[in-house]
């Protein structure tokens, strides 16, 4: 069985479409674990309109999405776990071919999504492959899939979380960026399918949520924390040298994105933190493209620091 975990906070306008999209699929071997994370609107009233034995509903005080997801994992009965955001929805083929890979005991099943923005639909591309090890899967994805760390892309074996003691860290942003690579690297097997099964909704409201500069600063602080933690954890993993280099490149690309989101003293502080970590050393020169990228990185850090 697949346990689909949905965390909802003030989702009264979107949760109905989200739930209906799952309930209307033809697949039957699943449950929905819906955690109301202290909503102040009518989310609970909307959910109560659904008379379905597929939905297990829990209300808890607001502690954030990371803690709520961990709560959902603890309540899940399924051998496999998937995550759906309450403001998104799934396609009718969401469960197609999943049973085949579950029966083959695959640790992680990756599919694709579609960005839904007003009247536009943009397909998210990335590497496609049949069964490989988690390490090989990471190496295939880290340079081809800009949505590698989107939780909704994956169906995970539940024991990947439990046996490796890998869970979402409460109180930190970028928890998906921090956790998903570790889960992939711990997987014995993984597939990435050419199936578009998820609608990732980017509304005007979701864009506006990013306008709080204090939140931007906290995200910058947290991404550095997550960067250090990923490198610390994977240093103890039994991985090929090339994989460890790719992890450093992947993490470096992520923390560089925050530079332009900051300004003034905070930007200078962030640049100094990057310098302390000597991140330009993380770009390994294997070809001309990477040489150019490394030179641009070194120049940009000096330019931003002026």
Protein backbone atom coordinates (compact mmCIF):
# COMPACT_ATOMS: atom_id res chain seq x y z
CA UNK A 1 0.00 0.00 0.00
CA UNK A 2 1.05 3.62 -0.63
CA UNK A 3 0.48 6.21 2.09
CA UNK A 4 0.03 9.68 0.59
CA UNK A 5 0.94 12.36 3.12
CA UNK A 6 -0.68 15.78 2.76
CA UNK A 7 0.09 18.59 5.19
CA UNK A 8 -2.39 21.45 5.10
CA UNK A 9 -2.18 24.93 6.58
CA UNK A 10 -5.00 27.36 5.69
CA UNK A 11 -5.77 25.31 2.58
CA UNK A 12 -9.55 25.79 2.39
CA UNK A 13 -9.37 27.06 -1.21
CA UNK A 14 -7.25 24.23 -2.62
CA UNK A 15 -7.66 21.09 -0.52
CA UNK A 16 -10.87 19.96 -2.24
CA UNK A 17 -9.25 19.82 -5.68
CA UNK A 18 -6.19 18.14 -4.19
CA UNK A 19 -8.17 15.37 -2.50
CA UNK A 20 -10.56 14.84 -5.41
CA UNK A 21 -7.69 14.40 -7.84
CA UNK A 22 -6.36 11.49 -5.78
CA UNK A 23 -9.74 9.92 -4.98
CA UNK A 24 -10.77 9.97 -8.64
CA UNK A 25 -7.84 7.82 -9.79
CA UNK A 26 -8.53 4.18 -10.62
CA UNK A 27 -5.88 2.73 -8.30
CA UNK A 28 -7.16 1.41 -5.00
CA UNK A 29 -4.24 0.34 -2.80
CA UNK A 30 -3.52 3.60 -1.03
CA UNK A 31 -4.45 5.72 1.98
CA UNK A 32 -4.34 9.47 2.48
CA UNK A 33 -2.77 10.77 5.68
CA UNK A 34 -4.01 14.36 5.97
CA UNK A 35 -2.45 16.52 8.68
CA UNK A 36 -4.12 19.84 9.43
CA UNK A 37 -1.20 21.85 10.78
CA UNK A 38 -3.16 24.27 12.94
CA UNK A 39 -5.16 25.95 10.18
CA UNK A 40 -7.11 29.09 11.14
CA UNK A 41 -9.48 28.97 8.16
CA UNK A 42 -12.14 26.43 7.11
CA UNK A 43 -9.74 23.68 6.03
CA UNK A 44 -11.24 21.23 8.54
CA UNK A 45 -14.80 21.98 7.42
CA UNK A 46 -13.89 21.26 3.79
CA UNK A 47 -12.14 18.00 4.68
CA UNK A 48 -15.12 16.85 6.75
CA UNK A 49 -17.25 16.95 3.58
CA UNK A 50 -15.30 13.96 2.28
CA UNK A 51 -16.87 10.71 3.42
CA UNK A 52 -14.05 8.42 2.34
CA UNK A 53 -12.43 5.59 4.25
CA UNK A 54 -9.28 6.39 2.27
CA UNK A 55 -8.67 9.55 4.31
CA UNK A 56 -7.13 9.49 7.78
CA UNK A 57 -7.48 12.99 9.20
CA UNK A 58 -5.37 14.46 11.99
CA UNK A 59 -5.43 17.93 13.53
CA UNK A 60 -2.40 19.23 15.41
CA UNK A 61 -1.12 22.56 16.64
CA UNK A 62 0.93 24.46 14.09
CA UNK A 63 4.55 23.28 14.16
CA UNK A 64 5.49 23.66 10.50
CA UNK A 65 5.58 21.46 7.44
CA UNK A 66 8.69 19.46 8.41
CA UNK A 67 7.31 18.33 11.75
CA UNK A 68 3.92 17.60 10.16
CA UNK A 69 5.49 15.41 7.49
CA UNK A 70 7.36 13.45 10.16
CA UNK A 71 4.06 13.05 12.02
CA UNK A 72 2.50 11.76 8.80
CA UNK A 73 5.27 9.20 8.35
CA UNK A 74 4.67 7.94 11.90
CA UNK A 75 0.96 7.45 11.13
CA UNK A 76 1.44 5.81 7.72
CA UNK A 77 0.43 2.17 7.30
CA UNK A 78 1.80 1.76 3.80
CA UNK A 79 5.06 0.12 2.78
CA UNK A 80 5.58 3.12 0.48
CA UNK A 81 5.14 6.84 1.07
CA UNK A 82 4.38 9.72 -1.29
CA UNK A 83 3.86 13.42 -0.58
CA UNK A 84 1.34 15.77 -2.16
CA UNK A 85 1.15 19.48 -1.32
CA UNK A 86 -2.30 20.76 -0.39
CA UNK A 87 -2.26 23.48 -3.06
CA UNK A 88 -1.30 21.06 -5.85
CA UNK A 89 -3.11 18.13 -7.45
CA UNK A 90 -2.32 14.90 -9.28
CA UNK A 91 -3.08 13.69 -12.80
CA UNK A 92 -5.38 10.76 -13.54
CA UNK A 93 -2.32 8.60 -14.33
CA UNK A 94 -0.73 9.29 -10.94
CA UNK A 95 -0.62 5.60 -9.97
CA UNK A 96 0.06 4.13 -13.44
CA UNK A 97 2.80 1.46 -13.44
CA UNK A 98 3.56 2.05 -9.76
CA UNK A 99 2.47 -1.44 -8.73
CA UNK A 100 5.00 -3.02 -11.09
CA UNK A 101 7.90 -1.34 -9.32
CA UNK A 102 6.47 -1.90 -5.85
CA UNK A 103 6.24 -5.61 -6.64
CA UNK A 104 9.89 -5.48 -7.71
CA UNK A 105 10.78 -3.96 -4.32
CA UNK A 106 12.25 -0.77 -5.79
CA UNK A 107 13.28 1.66 -3.02
CA UNK A 108 12.47 4.92 -4.84
CA UNK A 109 10.19 5.62 -7.82
CA UNK A 110 10.62 9.03 -9.44
CA UNK A 111 8.12 10.61 -11.83
CA UNK A 112 7.73 14.02 -13.44
CA UNK A 113 5.54 17.04 -12.89
CA UNK A 114 3.95 19.93 -14.72
CA UNK A 115 4.28 23.51 -13.51
CA UNK A 116 0.82 25.07 -13.55
CA UNK A 117 1.08 28.86 -13.72
CA UNK A 118 -2.09 30.73 -14.62
CA UNK A 119 -2.93 29.44 -18.13
CA UNK A 120 0.50 27.94 -18.74
CA UNK A 121 1.58 24.33 -18.31
CA UNK A 122 5.33 23.66 -18.37
CA UNK A 123 6.64 20.10 -18.30
CA UNK A 124 9.59 19.50 -15.97
CA UNK A 125 12.25 17.45 -17.72
CA UNK A 126 15.03 15.29 -16.30
CA UNK A 127 16.89 12.00 -16.62
CA UNK A 128 14.91 8.82 -17.34
CA UNK A 129 16.32 5.44 -16.35
CA UNK A 130 15.38 1.93 -15.36
CA UNK A 131 16.59 0.27 -12.16
CA UNK A 132 19.94 1.52 -10.89
CA UNK A 133 21.50 1.96 -7.45
CA UNK A 134 20.71 5.09 -5.48
CA UNK A 135 24.27 6.34 -5.94
CA UNK A 136 24.10 5.92 -9.70
CA UNK A 137 20.66 7.57 -9.73
CA UNK A 138 22.01 10.63 -7.90
CA UNK A 139 24.86 10.94 -10.39
CA UNK A 140 22.38 10.78 -13.27
CA UNK A 141 20.02 13.35 -11.74
CA UNK A 142 22.29 15.94 -10.14
CA UNK A 143 23.16 17.70 -13.42
CA UNK A 144 20.00 16.96 -15.43
CA UNK A 145 17.10 17.60 -13.06
CA UNK A 146 16.70 21.07 -11.52
CA UNK A 147 13.78 19.65 -9.51
CA UNK A 148 15.84 16.87 -7.93
CA UNK A 149 14.85 18.03 -4.44
CA UNK A 150 11.10 18.35 -5.00
CA UNK A 151 9.46 15.92 -2.62
CA UNK A 152 6.36 15.35 -4.75
CA UNK A 153 8.49 13.75 -7.49
CA UNK A 154 9.11 10.60 -5.46
CA UNK A 155 7.53 7.53 -3.97
CA UNK A 156 9.77 6.23 -1.19
CA UNK A 157 9.93 2.95 0.65
CA UNK A 158 8.94 3.86 4.19
CA UNK A 159 11.83 2.01 5.78
CA UNK A 160 14.32 4.27 3.96
CA UNK A 161 13.36 6.94 6.49
CA UNK A 162 13.16 4.65 9.49
CA UNK A 163 16.19 2.38 9.13
CA UNK A 164 18.49 5.28 8.24
CA UNK A 165 17.00 7.68 10.82
CA UNK A 166 16.47 10.27 8.09
CA UNK A 167 13.60 12.66 8.70
CA UNK A 168 12.67 16.28 8.00
CA UNK A 169 14.35 18.72 10.35
CA UNK A 170 11.91 20.81 12.34
CA UNK A 171 12.34 24.58 12.24
CA UNK A 172 14.62 24.70 9.19
CA UNK A 173 13.92 25.81 5.63
CA UNK A 174 15.20 23.80 2.64
CA UNK A 175 14.43 20.55 4.43
CA UNK A 176 13.75 18.82 1.09
CA UNK A 177 17.12 19.92 -0.32
CA UNK A 178 18.76 18.52 2.81
CA UNK A 179 16.94 15.20 2.97
CA UNK A 180 16.20 13.93 -0.54
CA UNK A 181 19.83 13.46 -1.69
CA UNK A 182 20.54 11.45 1.46
CA UNK A 183 17.52 9.21 0.88
CA UNK A 184 18.57 8.65 -2.74
CA UNK A 185 22.14 7.80 -1.76
CA UNK A 186 20.89 5.30 0.84
CA UNK A 187 18.58 3.57 -1.66
CA UNK A 188 19.60 0.19 -3.04
CA UNK A 189 17.45 0.68 -6.14
CA UNK A 190 15.69 3.51 -7.95
CA UNK A 191 13.88 4.20 -11.23
CA UNK A 192 13.02 7.48 -12.95
CA UNK A 193 10.00 7.27 -15.23
CA UNK A 194 8.89 9.33 -18.21
CA UNK A 195 5.46 9.98 -16.72
CA UNK A 196 3.93 13.39 -16.02
CA UNK A 197 1.70 12.75 -13.03
CA UNK A 198 1.73 15.85 -10.82
CA UNK A 199 0.53 19.44 -11.17
CA UNK A 200 2.75 21.86 -9.28
CA UNK A 201 0.65 25.00 -8.92
CA UNK A 202 2.44 28.35 -8.83
CA UNK A 203 -0.17 30.94 -7.94
CA UNK A 204 0.18 34.66 -7.31
CA UNK A 205 -0.21 33.93 -3.61
CA UNK A 206 2.70 31.48 -3.59
CA UNK A 207 4.91 34.12 -5.21
CA UNK A 208 3.85 36.76 -2.67
CA UNK A 209 4.77 34.50 0.24
CA UNK A 210 8.42 35.03 -0.65
CA UNK A 211 8.28 38.80 -0.13
CA UNK A 212 9.21 38.73 3.57
CA UNK A 213 12.91 39.69 3.76
CA UNK A 214 13.36 38.27 7.26
CA UNK A 215 12.24 34.94 5.87
CA UNK A 216 14.73 35.34 3.01
CA UNK A 217 17.54 35.86 5.53
CA UNK A 218 16.43 32.80 7.54
CA UNK A 219 16.39 30.73 4.35
CA UNK A 220 19.94 31.83 3.54
CA UNK A 221 21.11 30.89 7.03
CA UNK A 222 19.35 27.53 6.83
CA UNK A 223 20.67 26.61 3.39
CA UNK A 224 24.22 27.07 4.70
CA UNK A 225 23.35 24.87 7.66
CA UNK A 226 21.90 22.23 5.34
CA UNK A 227 24.95 22.50 3.05
CA UNK A 228 27.29 21.74 5.96
CA UNK A 229 25.08 18.92 7.20
CA UNK A 230 24.84 17.15 3.83
CA UNK A 231 28.61 17.22 3.39
CA UNK A 232 29.18 16.02 6.94
CA UNK A 233 26.74 13.13 6.58
CA UNK A 234 27.86 11.97 3.14
CA UNK A 235 31.53 12.04 4.15
CA UNK A 236 30.72 8.94 6.22
CA UNK A 237 28.89 7.20 3.36
CA UNK A 238 30.67 4.55 1.34
CA UNK A 239 30.60 6.41 -1.97
CA UNK A 240 32.82 6.69 -5.02
CA UNK A 241 35.09 9.73 -5.22
CA UNK A 242 33.16 11.01 -8.25
CA UNK A 243 29.87 10.83 -6.34
CA UNK A 244 31.25 12.85 -3.43
CA UNK A 245 32.49 15.45 -5.93
CA UNK A 246 29.02 15.58 -7.50
CA UNK A 247 27.42 16.05 -4.08
CA UNK A 248 29.66 19.06 -3.47
CA UNK A 249 28.83 20.52 -6.88
CA UNK A 250 25.10 19.97 -6.33
CA UNK A 251 25.18 21.61 -2.89
CA UNK A 252 27.36 24.48 -4.11
CA UNK A 253 24.93 25.28 -6.93
CA UNK A 254 22.11 25.47 -4.36
CA UNK A 255 23.79 27.85 -1.93
CA UNK A 256 25.00 30.16 -4.71
CA UNK A 257 21.40 30.93 -5.66
CA UNK A 258 20.91 32.80 -2.39
CA UNK A 259 23.53 35.48 -3.07
CA UNK A 260 21.31 37.63 -5.28
CA UNK A 261 18.37 37.36 -2.87
CA UNK A 262 20.32 39.25 -0.18
CA UNK A 263 21.64 42.79 -0.07
CA UNK A 264 23.80 45.08 2.03
CA UNK A 265 25.42 43.68 5.16
CA UNK A 266 23.60 40.37 4.90
CA UNK A 267 24.90 39.80 1.38
CA UNK A 268 28.44 40.59 2.53
CA UNK A 269 28.01 38.19 5.45
CA UNK A 270 26.79 35.45 3.12
CA UNK A 271 29.69 35.98 0.68
CA UNK A 272 32.13 35.67 3.57
CA UNK A 273 30.46 32.41 4.61
CA UNK A 274 30.91 31.10 1.07
CA UNK A 275 34.56 32.12 1.13
CA UNK A 276 35.11 30.32 4.44
CA UNK A 277 33.81 27.15 2.80
CA UNK A 278 36.08 27.68 -0.25
CA UNK A 279 33.18 26.66 -2.45
CA UNK A 280 35.02 27.34 -5.71
CA UNK A 281 37.06 24.22 -4.92
CA UNK A 282 33.88 22.16 -5.19
CA UNK A 283 33.65 22.66 -8.95
CA UNK A 284 35.79 19.90 -10.46
CA UNK A 285 37.13 20.68 -13.90
CA UNK A 286 36.22 17.69 -16.05
CA UNK A 287 35.51 19.60 -19.25
CA UNK A 288 35.60 23.10 -20.76
CA UNK A 289 32.09 23.91 -19.56
CA UNK A 290 33.03 23.26 -15.95
CA UNK A 291 36.24 25.28 -16.33
CA UNK A 292 34.21 28.26 -17.53
CA UNK A 293 31.73 27.77 -14.69
CA UNK A 294 34.51 27.73 -12.10
CA UNK A 295 36.10 30.90 -13.48
CA UNK A 296 32.73 32.68 -13.49
CA UNK A 297 32.08 31.54 -9.92
CA UNK A 298 35.42 32.89 -8.68
CA UNK A 299 34.92 36.20 -10.53
CA UNK A 300 31.35 36.61 -9.24
CA UNK A 301 32.32 36.04 -5.62
CA UNK A 302 34.98 38.74 -5.91
CA UNK A 303 32.49 41.07 -7.65
CA UNK A 304 29.76 40.55 -5.06
CA UNK A 305 32.25 41.16 -2.27
CA UNK A 306 33.10 44.68 -3.53
